[in-house]
N, C-alpha and C. Protein backbone atom coordinates (compact mmCIF):
# COMPACT_ATOMS: atom_id res chain seq x y z
N UNK A 1 -27.16 22.88 25.07
CA UNK A 1 -26.80 24.27 25.32
C UNK A 1 -25.89 24.34 26.55
N UNK A 2 -24.89 25.16 26.46
CA UNK A 2 -23.97 25.36 27.56
C UNK A 2 -24.09 26.80 28.03
N UNK A 3 -24.33 27.02 29.31
CA UNK A 3 -24.46 28.37 29.83
C UNK A 3 -23.09 28.94 30.16
N UNK A 4 -22.88 30.18 29.81
CA UNK A 4 -21.65 30.90 30.12
C UNK A 4 -22.04 32.12 30.92
N UNK A 5 -21.52 32.27 32.10
CA UNK A 5 -21.88 33.41 32.92
C UNK A 5 -23.36 33.36 33.31
N UNK A 6 -24.01 32.23 33.09
CA UNK A 6 -25.40 32.08 33.49
C UNK A 6 -26.41 32.67 32.53
N UNK A 7 -25.99 33.37 31.51
CA UNK A 7 -26.99 34.04 30.68
C UNK A 7 -26.76 33.93 29.18
N UNK A 8 -25.57 33.61 28.74
CA UNK A 8 -25.31 33.42 27.31
C UNK A 8 -25.17 31.93 27.06
N UNK A 9 -25.99 31.40 26.17
CA UNK A 9 -26.01 29.96 25.90
C UNK A 9 -25.47 29.68 24.51
N UNK A 10 -24.58 28.72 24.43
CA UNK A 10 -24.02 28.32 23.15
C UNK A 10 -25.05 27.49 22.41
N UNK A 11 -25.31 27.83 21.16
CA UNK A 11 -26.22 27.08 20.31
C UNK A 11 -25.50 26.77 19.00
N UNK A 12 -26.11 25.99 18.15
CA UNK A 12 -25.47 25.70 16.87
C UNK A 12 -25.42 26.98 16.04
N UNK A 13 -24.24 27.32 15.57
CA UNK A 13 -24.08 28.50 14.73
C UNK A 13 -23.95 29.81 15.47
N UNK A 14 -23.91 29.80 16.79
CA UNK A 14 -23.78 31.06 17.53
C UNK A 14 -24.16 30.91 18.99
N UNK A 15 -24.73 31.98 19.53
CA UNK A 15 -25.14 32.01 20.93
C UNK A 15 -26.50 32.67 21.06
N UNK A 16 -27.17 32.45 22.18
CA UNK A 16 -28.44 33.12 22.43
C UNK A 16 -28.49 33.56 23.89
N UNK A 17 -29.32 34.56 24.13
CA UNK A 17 -29.53 35.05 25.49
C UNK A 17 -30.88 35.74 25.56
N UNK A 18 -31.40 35.86 26.79
CA UNK A 18 -32.71 36.46 27.02
C UNK A 18 -32.57 37.95 27.29
N UNK A 19 -33.56 38.70 26.79
CA UNK A 19 -33.59 40.14 26.96
C UNK A 19 -34.99 40.56 27.39
N UNK A 20 -35.06 41.52 28.29
CA UNK A 20 -36.33 42.20 28.62
C UNK A 20 -36.19 43.63 28.13
N UNK A 21 -36.93 43.96 27.07
CA UNK A 21 -36.85 45.28 26.45
C UNK A 21 -37.88 46.22 27.05
N UNK A 22 -37.47 47.46 27.26
CA UNK A 22 -38.37 48.51 27.73
C UNK A 22 -38.35 49.63 26.70
N UNK A 23 -39.37 49.70 25.84
CA UNK A 23 -39.40 50.74 24.81
C UNK A 23 -39.76 52.11 25.37
N UNK A 24 -39.58 53.13 24.54
CA UNK A 24 -39.90 54.53 24.86
C UNK A 24 -39.09 55.06 26.04
N UNK A 25 -37.85 54.64 26.16
CA UNK A 25 -36.96 55.16 27.21
C UNK A 25 -36.32 56.46 26.71
N UNK A 26 -35.67 57.17 27.58
CA UNK A 26 -35.02 58.42 27.17
C UNK A 26 -33.78 58.15 26.31
N UNK A 27 -33.14 56.99 26.53
CA UNK A 27 -31.99 56.61 25.70
C UNK A 27 -31.88 55.09 25.69
N UNK A 28 -31.20 54.58 24.68
CA UNK A 28 -31.01 53.14 24.56
C UNK A 28 -29.76 52.74 25.35
N UNK A 29 -29.93 51.78 26.27
CA UNK A 29 -28.82 51.34 27.10
C UNK A 29 -29.19 50.06 27.83
N UNK A 30 -28.18 49.30 28.21
CA UNK A 30 -28.39 48.16 29.10
C UNK A 30 -28.59 48.72 30.49
N UNK A 31 -29.69 48.34 31.14
CA UNK A 31 -30.00 48.91 32.45
C UNK A 31 -29.75 47.95 33.60
N UNK A 32 -29.43 46.68 33.30
CA UNK A 32 -29.13 45.74 34.37
C UNK A 32 -29.49 44.33 33.97
N UNK A 33 -29.54 43.46 34.96
CA UNK A 33 -29.92 42.06 34.76
C UNK A 33 -30.95 41.68 35.81
N UNK A 34 -31.78 40.71 35.45
CA UNK A 34 -32.78 40.17 36.38
C UNK A 34 -32.51 38.68 36.52
N UNK A 35 -32.77 38.13 37.67
CA UNK A 35 -32.64 36.70 37.88
C UNK A 35 -31.26 36.30 38.33
N UNK A 36 -31.09 34.97 38.42
CA UNK A 36 -29.79 34.43 38.82
C UNK A 36 -29.59 33.05 38.22
N UNK A 37 -28.38 32.57 38.29
CA UNK A 37 -28.06 31.25 37.73
C UNK A 37 -28.20 31.24 36.22
N UNK A 38 -28.92 30.26 35.72
CA UNK A 38 -29.12 30.16 34.27
C UNK A 38 -30.37 30.90 33.82
N UNK A 39 -31.09 31.52 34.73
CA UNK A 39 -32.32 32.24 34.41
C UNK A 39 -32.12 33.76 34.42
N UNK A 40 -30.98 34.21 33.93
CA UNK A 40 -30.68 35.64 33.91
C UNK A 40 -31.23 36.25 32.64
N UNK A 41 -31.82 37.43 32.80
CA UNK A 41 -32.37 38.18 31.68
C UNK A 41 -31.70 39.55 31.66
N UNK A 42 -31.19 39.94 30.51
CA UNK A 42 -30.54 41.23 30.33
C UNK A 42 -31.62 42.28 30.10
N UNK A 43 -31.64 43.34 30.91
CA UNK A 43 -32.63 44.41 30.76
C UNK A 43 -32.04 45.51 29.88
N UNK A 44 -32.78 45.88 28.82
CA UNK A 44 -32.33 46.91 27.90
C UNK A 44 -33.44 47.92 27.68
N UNK A 45 -33.13 49.20 27.91
CA UNK A 45 -34.06 50.29 27.63
C UNK A 45 -33.84 50.72 26.18
N UNK A 46 -34.94 50.94 25.47
CA UNK A 46 -34.87 51.34 24.06
C UNK A 46 -35.58 52.66 23.86
N UNK A 47 -34.95 53.57 23.15
CA UNK A 47 -35.55 54.87 22.90
C UNK A 47 -36.70 54.78 21.90
N UNK A 48 -36.70 53.79 21.04
CA UNK A 48 -37.73 53.65 20.00
C UNK A 48 -39.05 53.15 20.60
N UNK A 49 -40.17 53.53 19.98
CA UNK A 49 -41.46 53.01 20.42
C UNK A 49 -41.70 51.60 19.86
N UNK A 50 -42.59 50.84 20.50
CA UNK A 50 -42.86 49.49 20.03
C UNK A 50 -43.89 49.48 18.89
N UNK A 51 -43.59 50.20 17.84
CA UNK A 51 -44.51 50.35 16.72
C UNK A 51 -43.82 49.91 15.44
N UNK A 52 -44.47 49.03 14.68
CA UNK A 52 -43.98 48.60 13.38
C UNK A 52 -42.54 48.10 13.40
N UNK A 53 -42.17 47.42 14.46
CA UNK A 53 -40.84 46.82 14.55
C UNK A 53 -39.70 47.78 14.83
N UNK A 54 -40.02 49.03 15.16
CA UNK A 54 -38.96 50.02 15.41
C UNK A 54 -38.12 49.66 16.63
N UNK A 55 -38.75 49.18 17.69
CA UNK A 55 -38.01 48.82 18.90
C UNK A 55 -37.10 47.62 18.64
N UNK A 56 -37.59 46.63 17.90
CA UNK A 56 -36.76 45.47 17.57
C UNK A 56 -35.58 45.89 16.70
N UNK A 57 -35.82 46.77 15.74
CA UNK A 57 -34.74 47.24 14.86
C UNK A 57 -33.67 47.98 15.67
N UNK A 58 -34.12 48.80 16.62
CA UNK A 58 -33.16 49.53 17.46
C UNK A 58 -32.39 48.57 18.37
N UNK A 59 -33.07 47.57 18.91
CA UNK A 59 -32.42 46.57 19.75
C UNK A 59 -31.33 45.84 18.97
N UNK A 60 -31.65 45.43 17.76
CA UNK A 60 -30.69 44.72 16.91
C UNK A 60 -29.49 45.61 16.59
N UNK A 61 -29.75 46.85 16.22
CA UNK A 61 -28.66 47.77 15.90
C UNK A 61 -27.78 48.04 17.12
N UNK A 62 -28.39 48.22 18.28
CA UNK A 62 -27.65 48.49 19.52
C UNK A 62 -26.76 47.29 19.89
N UNK A 63 -27.34 46.10 19.86
CA UNK A 63 -26.55 44.91 20.21
C UNK A 63 -25.45 44.65 19.19
N UNK A 64 -25.73 44.88 17.92
CA UNK A 64 -24.70 44.69 16.88
C UNK A 64 -23.53 45.64 17.14
N UNK A 65 -23.81 46.86 17.55
CA UNK A 65 -22.74 47.81 17.86
C UNK A 65 -21.91 47.39 19.05
N UNK A 66 -22.57 46.93 20.11
CA UNK A 66 -21.86 46.47 21.31
C UNK A 66 -20.98 45.26 21.00
N UNK A 67 -21.52 44.35 20.19
CA UNK A 67 -20.83 43.09 19.93
C UNK A 67 -19.90 43.14 18.72
N UNK A 68 -19.85 44.28 18.05
CA UNK A 68 -18.99 44.47 16.87
C UNK A 68 -19.27 43.43 15.78
N UNK A 69 -20.55 43.27 15.48
CA UNK A 69 -20.99 42.38 14.40
C UNK A 69 -21.95 43.16 13.50
N UNK A 70 -22.25 42.60 12.34
CA UNK A 70 -23.23 43.25 11.47
C UNK A 70 -24.63 42.99 12.02
N UNK A 71 -25.57 43.85 11.65
CA UNK A 71 -26.94 43.68 12.12
C UNK A 71 -27.55 42.37 11.64
N UNK A 72 -27.09 41.87 10.49
CA UNK A 72 -27.63 40.61 9.98
C UNK A 72 -27.22 39.41 10.84
N UNK A 73 -26.22 39.57 11.69
CA UNK A 73 -25.79 38.49 12.57
C UNK A 73 -26.58 38.46 13.88
N UNK A 74 -27.40 39.47 14.13
CA UNK A 74 -28.20 39.54 15.36
C UNK A 74 -29.66 39.41 14.97
N UNK A 75 -30.38 38.51 15.63
CA UNK A 75 -31.80 38.36 15.31
C UNK A 75 -32.61 38.05 16.56
N UNK A 76 -33.86 38.50 16.53
CA UNK A 76 -34.81 38.16 17.58
C UNK A 76 -35.46 36.85 17.16
N UNK A 77 -35.19 35.79 17.90
CA UNK A 77 -35.73 34.48 17.51
C UNK A 77 -37.02 34.12 18.25
N UNK A 78 -37.32 34.85 19.32
CA UNK A 78 -38.57 34.64 20.05
C UNK A 78 -38.98 35.95 20.71
N UNK A 79 -40.27 36.22 20.75
CA UNK A 79 -40.78 37.40 21.43
C UNK A 79 -40.75 38.67 20.60
N UNK A 80 -40.94 38.56 19.30
CA UNK A 80 -40.88 39.75 18.45
C UNK A 80 -41.91 40.81 18.83
N UNK A 81 -43.03 40.39 19.40
CA UNK A 81 -44.06 41.34 19.81
C UNK A 81 -44.25 41.37 21.32
N UNK A 82 -43.18 41.05 22.03
CA UNK A 82 -43.23 40.99 23.48
C UNK A 82 -42.03 41.74 24.06
N UNK A 83 -42.13 42.10 25.33
CA UNK A 83 -40.98 42.71 26.00
C UNK A 83 -39.90 41.67 26.28
N UNK A 84 -40.31 40.42 26.45
CA UNK A 84 -39.38 39.33 26.73
C UNK A 84 -38.97 38.69 25.41
N UNK A 85 -37.68 38.71 25.11
CA UNK A 85 -37.18 38.25 23.83
C UNK A 85 -36.00 37.30 24.01
N UNK A 86 -35.79 36.48 23.01
CA UNK A 86 -34.58 35.66 22.92
C UNK A 86 -33.81 36.16 21.71
N UNK A 87 -32.56 36.51 21.92
CA UNK A 87 -31.69 37.04 20.88
C UNK A 87 -30.68 35.98 20.49
N UNK A 88 -30.45 35.84 19.19
CA UNK A 88 -29.39 34.96 18.71
C UNK A 88 -28.34 35.81 17.99
N UNK A 89 -27.08 35.52 18.28
CA UNK A 89 -25.95 36.16 17.61
C UNK A 89 -25.19 35.06 16.88
N UNK A 90 -25.11 35.21 15.58
CA UNK A 90 -24.45 34.20 14.75
C UNK A 90 -22.95 34.41 14.71
N UNK A 91 -22.21 33.32 14.63
CA UNK A 91 -20.77 33.32 14.40
C UNK A 91 -19.97 34.05 15.47
N UNK A 92 -20.42 34.00 16.71
CA UNK A 92 -19.67 34.58 17.83
C UNK A 92 -19.62 33.53 18.94
N UNK A 93 -18.54 33.56 19.71
CA UNK A 93 -18.41 32.65 20.83
C UNK A 93 -19.14 33.15 22.06
N UNK A 94 -19.57 32.23 22.90
CA UNK A 94 -20.32 32.58 24.10
C UNK A 94 -19.49 33.43 25.06
N UNK A 95 -18.22 33.09 25.24
CA UNK A 95 -17.35 33.87 26.13
C UNK A 95 -17.20 35.30 25.64
N UNK A 96 -17.02 35.44 24.33
CA UNK A 96 -16.84 36.76 23.73
C UNK A 96 -18.09 37.63 23.89
N UNK A 97 -19.26 37.05 23.65
CA UNK A 97 -20.52 37.79 23.78
C UNK A 97 -20.78 38.14 25.24
N UNK A 98 -20.59 37.18 26.14
CA UNK A 98 -20.81 37.45 27.56
C UNK A 98 -19.90 38.56 28.07
N UNK A 99 -18.64 38.56 27.65
CA UNK A 99 -17.69 39.60 28.08
C UNK A 99 -18.09 40.96 27.52
N UNK A 100 -18.50 41.02 26.26
CA UNK A 100 -18.89 42.29 25.65
C UNK A 100 -20.12 42.86 26.32
N UNK A 101 -21.11 42.03 26.59
CA UNK A 101 -22.33 42.50 27.25
C UNK A 101 -22.06 42.90 28.69
N UNK A 102 -21.21 42.16 29.37
CA UNK A 102 -20.90 42.48 30.77
C UNK A 102 -20.23 43.84 30.91
N UNK A 103 -19.45 44.24 29.90
CA UNK A 103 -18.79 45.57 29.95
C UNK A 103 -19.81 46.70 29.96
N UNK A 104 -21.01 46.47 29.43
CA UNK A 104 -22.00 47.53 29.35
C UNK A 104 -23.06 47.45 30.44
N UNK A 105 -22.98 46.43 31.30
CA UNK A 105 -23.93 46.30 32.41
C UNK A 105 -23.55 47.25 33.55
N UNK A 106 -24.54 47.95 34.09
CA UNK A 106 -24.23 48.86 35.20
C UNK A 106 -23.91 48.11 36.48
């Protein structure tokens, strides 16, 4: 794995990055980053509740919109029932994903 910007890692078939989701927020948005170096976690507030996969579905849809990919290209590969998640984006470059996410960071 190669880290880009300290938080987006190149993997086979795409890239992955860590997210800390906060459900039941007033609106869905990237609220910042936690950590430093290669241990950076993207903080995302989600308007959906953490019930029956609604928060994960909203997270996937939100990230797909930011990254201009289909929802099927974004998946939660770890932490489906946790606030701490690992997201994989298929068929996108690490530089491209890091730049798109950085544009939405406060």
